[in-house]
Amino acid sequence: MKNIKLKENLGDILFVLVYGLCSAAGVQFFLQSANIYTSGITGFAQVLVSSLQHFLGLTTSLAVWNLLLNVPLFIISWRVLGKKFTLYTITSVVSMSLFLKVLPEHQLTNDPVVAAIFGGALTGVGIGICLRRGFSTGGVDIIALVIQRTFGRTVGQISFIANSLIVIAASLLYGFQNGLYSIISIYVGIMVIDRLYIQQQLETVSIYTKKPEEILLFLKAATKRGYTYNRDFLGGYHDQPVTVLTIILTKYEEILLIKQLREVDPEVFINIQPTERVRGNFIQLQ
């Protein structure tokens, strides 16, 4: 059990570092020097840094602003979305900010279209990897989830509004062309994220356990999904009774739940199969 937890924690740290490195490299090597903006809070931090330089002649740190803008969101997240979610989010934001500080701003290409494509792709790779691991990257993710729970707006609507504001700011500061380049960057980033992490990808999860009561209680508390279970199975290796539960989840739900299932029953056996489509009362959770 300790070895499993250690491997998971080391894996989490590795993924957080990869996210920070990829996303920061996309910004520092392609986007920032070309006055092209990425999505989310990092994009707003870019707007703030550019505005202070453009209007007041003040040079400020993108890394510092990226972290500071997230701090009030951490507090809201802690109260509304929970401690565990917030702690994971803090680690990913700190990783991104550290790499923004460590990596120098360096223009690798003079072609703004190339900069937008590669900058967007790198930030998309970072975010996609982070989401695939079940982490949030902070910023707009937190705002969207809080507003969704409070007012019922979808995550997609909130992200669209936030990114639209970033594009408008880019157009006002550096002209219409830079606004278009920012659209390219954001679009490429979204496409890469979709390739790496598809929230609506469905999976059939079969859970084999000797602790059915604990698993059933956990599933009832942790998910709105229905499930089927059968207590009449016999394990062939130990000749002991085994309960099999079958549930259909999205990829996102599966990533979050599997870790917790193993905490409920360290000896649980889980079989995950891709599901093409479902018919019937399957709710698409936002």
Foldseek 3Di string as FASTA:
>chain_A
DVVVVVVLVVVLLVLLLLLLQLLLCLCQAFDLVLLAAAFFLLLVLSLVQLCCCQPVVDHDQSLVSLLVVQVVLLVVCCVPVHDVQSVLQNSSSNSNSVNNVVDHRHYPDPDLLVSLQSSLLSNLVSQLSQLLLLHHNTGLVSVQVVCCVVPVDHSVVSRVVRLVVSLVSSCVSPHNVSSVSNVSSHVNSVVSSCVSFPQQFKKKKKKKDPPVVLVVVCCVVLDPWDKDKDQPDADPPPRHTIMIIITMHGSSSCSVVVVVVCVSPVPMDMDMDTDPDDDDPDDDDD
